[in-house]
Amino acid sequence: MKAFTEQMNYSMNRTELSQDQVFEMLKNMRRRYTVHYLRRENSTVGLDDITDHVAAWEYNTTPADLLGEQRNRVYISLYQTHIPALANAGIIDYNPETREIQPTSRIQVFDDYLNVFTRPIRPWDRYYCGLALGSVLLFTGIWLQFHPVAILSWFVALLSVLVAYGILAATHYWYAQNTIPDTPPELHSTDD
């Protein structure tokens, strides 16, 4: 078993996570709640903050109303098992001395598996394709000296297209960061 775990850790750190590795990481509810919290915060957080939220979700209460025993049970599990597993997989950067945790970009691989989006996913591919088609039509119109767009210079057209792509990309990023709900989609049973 130890050899399998070491091989899994080695393979997760050097390549992208396979579907089996993702399922292995997500088989425990506390780990799923941790990933959800980190994905939602998307910044450096302390282990105590994660513990409070994971325990509150697990016991269907608020962080302020947690009992010490409930919090300690979750803290020990996170500290000894789940945080090291996420760190070994390269999903988080963990500093054991300060107990600060920073999600890496690799954490986004879980989005599809955890159903973190509450609003329908926008058809971003269509927006990008539409902008690409519009750009081709704009440049073709300038090249063919088509009257309405022929007055634009190549520089102005190129600058306009770049600005449009920048605005679309920024909007896409903002949307992706702001569609994560406050609580995980699953809040029913616990598996230690």
Protein backbone atom coordinates (compact mmCIF):
# COMPACT_ATOMS: atom_id res chain seq x y z
CA MET A 1 0.00 0.00 0.00
CA LYS A 2 2.83 2.38 0.87
CA ALA A 3 4.48 1.81 -2.52
CA PHE A 4 1.18 2.60 -4.25
CA THR A 5 0.78 5.84 -2.28
CA GLU A 6 4.36 6.91 -3.04
CA GLN A 7 3.87 6.12 -6.73
CA MET A 8 0.61 8.05 -6.76
CA ASN A 9 2.24 11.06 -5.10
CA TYR A 10 5.16 10.95 -7.53
CA SER A 11 2.94 10.69 -10.58
CA MET A 12 0.60 13.47 -9.36
CA ASN A 13 3.49 15.87 -8.80
CA ARG A 14 5.08 15.37 -12.21
CA THR A 15 2.01 15.33 -14.48
CA GLU A 16 -1.57 16.46 -14.60
CA LEU A 17 -4.02 14.59 -12.43
CA SER A 18 -5.75 11.66 -14.08
CA GLN A 19 -9.44 11.06 -13.50
CA ASP A 20 -8.61 8.23 -11.08
CA GLN A 21 -6.31 10.53 -9.12
CA VAL A 22 -8.97 13.23 -8.99
CA PHE A 23 -11.49 10.70 -7.67
CA GLU A 24 -8.95 9.47 -5.11
CA MET A 25 -8.43 13.05 -3.91
CA LEU A 26 -12.19 13.70 -3.72
CA LYS A 27 -13.34 10.47 -2.10
CA ASN A 28 -13.50 12.09 1.34
CA MET A 29 -16.06 14.74 2.20
CA ARG A 30 -13.68 16.79 4.34
CA ARG A 31 -11.25 16.97 1.45
CA ARG A 32 -14.06 18.04 -0.91
CA TYR A 33 -15.13 20.74 1.56
CA THR A 34 -11.50 21.89 1.88
CA VAL A 35 -11.13 22.11 -1.89
CA HIS A 36 -14.42 24.00 -2.14
CA TYR A 37 -13.36 26.50 0.54
CA LEU A 38 -9.94 27.05 -1.03
CA ARG A 39 -11.45 27.42 -4.51
CA ARG A 40 -13.97 29.93 -3.18
CA GLU A 41 -11.41 32.02 -1.26
CA ASN A 42 -8.70 31.75 -3.93
CA SER A 43 -6.09 33.26 -1.60
CA THR A 44 -3.79 32.28 1.25
CA VAL A 45 -5.78 31.10 4.26
CA GLY A 46 -4.92 29.59 7.60
CA LEU A 47 -5.60 26.02 8.61
CA ASP A 48 -7.83 27.32 11.42
CA ASP A 49 -10.06 29.13 8.91
CA ILE A 50 -10.42 26.01 6.81
CA THR A 51 -11.12 23.94 9.91
CA ASP A 52 -13.86 26.29 11.06
CA HIS A 53 -15.68 26.25 7.73
CA VAL A 54 -15.29 22.54 7.04
CA ALA A 55 -16.48 21.66 10.54
CA ALA A 56 -19.42 24.08 10.31
CA TRP A 57 -20.53 22.56 7.01
CA GLU A 58 -20.05 19.03 8.31
CA TYR A 59 -22.06 19.65 11.49
CA ASN A 60 -24.61 21.92 9.76
CA THR A 61 -23.91 24.93 11.94
CA THR A 62 -21.95 28.17 11.83
CA PRO A 63 -18.27 28.54 12.71
CA ALA A 64 -19.25 30.58 15.80
CA ASP A 65 -21.56 27.81 17.08
CA LEU A 66 -19.08 24.94 16.72
CA LEU A 67 -18.32 22.86 19.77
CA GLY A 68 -14.66 22.44 20.66
CA GLU A 69 -14.89 18.67 20.18
CA GLN A 70 -16.36 19.06 16.69
CA ARG A 71 -13.68 21.51 15.68
CA ASN A 72 -10.84 19.39 17.10
CA ARG A 73 -12.07 16.26 15.34
CA VAL A 74 -12.01 18.04 11.98
CA TYR A 75 -8.73 19.85 12.70
CA ILE A 76 -6.84 16.64 13.47
CA SER A 77 -8.18 14.96 10.34
CA LEU A 78 -7.26 17.92 8.14
CA TYR A 79 -3.83 18.43 9.73
CA GLN A 80 -2.77 14.78 9.68
CA THR A 81 -4.38 13.48 6.50
CA HIS A 82 -6.16 15.79 4.09
CA ILE A 83 -3.92 18.86 3.92
CA PRO A 84 -0.76 16.73 3.39
CA ALA A 85 -2.54 14.73 0.67
CA LEU A 86 -3.56 17.92 -1.17
CA ALA A 87 -0.04 19.32 -0.78
CA ASN A 88 1.57 16.11 -2.07
CA ALA A 89 -0.69 16.26 -5.12
CA GLY A 90 0.43 19.82 -5.86
CA ILE A 91 -3.08 21.18 -5.38
CA ILE A 92 -2.04 23.47 -2.54
CA ASP A 93 1.13 25.01 -1.20
CA TYR A 94 1.27 24.35 2.53
CA ASN A 95 3.64 25.90 5.05
CA PRO A 96 3.59 23.64 8.15
CA GLU A 97 5.32 26.26 10.31
CA THR A 98 2.78 29.04 9.74
CA ARG A 99 -0.04 26.63 8.81
CA GLU A 100 -0.88 28.81 5.85
CA ILE A 101 -2.36 27.25 2.74
CA GLN A 102 -2.34 28.70 -0.77
CA PRO A 103 -4.29 26.97 -3.56
CA THR A 104 -2.33 26.42 -6.75
CA SER A 105 -3.78 26.76 -10.24
CA ARG A 106 -4.07 22.97 -10.24
CA ILE A 107 -7.09 23.22 -7.89
CA GLN A 108 -9.29 24.23 -10.82
CA VAL A 109 -9.20 20.65 -12.12
CA PHE A 110 -11.86 19.86 -9.49
CA ASP A 111 -14.41 22.39 -10.76
CA ASP A 112 -16.12 19.97 -13.12
CA TYR A 113 -16.21 17.22 -10.51
CA LEU A 114 -17.54 19.32 -7.65
CA ASN A 115 -20.22 21.16 -9.64
CA VAL A 116 -19.13 24.47 -8.13
CA PHE A 117 -21.00 26.64 -10.57
CA THR A 118 -24.52 27.58 -9.52
CA ARG A 119 -25.39 29.61 -12.59
CA PRO A 120 -25.49 27.94 -15.98
CA ILE A 121 -22.10 27.91 -17.65
CA ARG A 122 -21.95 30.59 -20.29
CA PRO A 123 -21.01 29.49 -23.82
CA TRP A 124 -17.62 31.21 -23.69
CA ASP A 125 -16.39 29.26 -26.69
CA ARG A 126 -19.15 30.85 -28.78
CA TYR A 127 -18.26 34.33 -27.55
CA TYR A 128 -14.60 33.81 -28.51
CA CYS A 129 -15.54 32.29 -31.88
CA GLY A 130 -17.94 35.17 -32.56
CA LEU A 131 -15.25 37.70 -31.75
CA ALA A 132 -12.79 35.84 -34.01
CA LEU A 133 -15.32 35.82 -36.87
CA GLY A 134 -16.06 39.51 -36.33
CA SER A 135 -12.32 40.24 -36.41
CA VAL A 136 -11.89 38.35 -39.68
CA LEU A 137 -14.82 40.23 -41.20
CA LEU A 138 -13.43 43.56 -40.00
CA PHE A 139 -9.98 42.93 -41.48
CA THR A 140 -11.47 41.55 -44.70
CA GLY A 141 -13.65 44.66 -44.99
CA ILE A 142 -10.63 46.92 -44.59
CA TRP A 143 -8.60 44.88 -47.09
CA LEU A 144 -11.44 44.92 -49.67
CA GLN A 145 -12.06 48.62 -49.00
CA PHE A 146 -15.67 47.97 -47.93
CA HIS A 147 -17.18 51.42 -47.32
CA PRO A 148 -18.15 51.54 -43.61
CA VAL A 149 -14.94 49.91 -42.32
CA ALA A 150 -12.56 51.20 -45.02
CA ILE A 151 -12.17 54.45 -43.10
CA LEU A 152 -10.43 52.57 -40.26
CA SER A 153 -6.68 52.17 -40.34
CA TRP A 154 -5.09 48.77 -39.82
CA PHE A 155 -3.66 50.02 -36.53
CA VAL A 156 -7.05 51.14 -35.17
CA ALA A 157 -8.68 47.87 -36.27
CA LEU A 158 -5.94 45.77 -34.67
CA LEU A 159 -6.07 47.80 -31.46
CA SER A 160 -9.87 47.47 -31.36
CA VAL A 161 -9.69 43.70 -31.76
CA LEU A 162 -7.04 43.39 -29.04
CA VAL A 163 -9.08 45.52 -26.64
CA ALA A 164 -12.21 43.46 -27.39
CA TYR A 165 -10.33 40.21 -26.66
CA GLY A 166 -8.95 41.72 -23.45
CA ILE A 167 -12.40 42.78 -22.26
CA LEU A 168 -13.87 39.36 -23.10
CA ALA A 169 -11.06 37.53 -21.31
CA ALA A 170 -11.38 39.76 -18.22
CA THR A 171 -15.15 39.23 -18.16
CA HIS A 172 -14.69 35.48 -18.52
CA TYR A 173 -12.19 35.45 -15.62
CA TRP A 174 -14.45 37.57 -13.40
CA TYR A 175 -17.42 35.32 -14.14
CA ALA A 176 -15.46 32.16 -13.34
CA GLN A 177 -14.26 33.58 -10.02
CA ASN A 178 -17.66 34.86 -8.91
CA THR A 179 -19.88 31.87 -9.59
CA ILE A 180 -18.63 29.75 -6.70
CA PRO A 181 -21.30 29.50 -3.98
CA ASP A 182 -20.59 30.06 -0.29
CA THR A 183 -21.28 26.45 0.70
CA PRO A 184 -20.46 23.14 -1.00
CA PRO A 185 -23.25 21.62 -3.07
CA GLU A 186 -23.30 18.53 -0.89
CA LEU A 187 -24.06 18.87 2.81
CA HIS A 188 -25.53 15.60 3.98
CA SER A 189 -23.26 12.80 5.26
CA THR A 190 -19.74 12.43 6.58
CA ASP A 191 -17.13 9.87 5.67
CA ASP A 192 -13.93 10.03 7.67
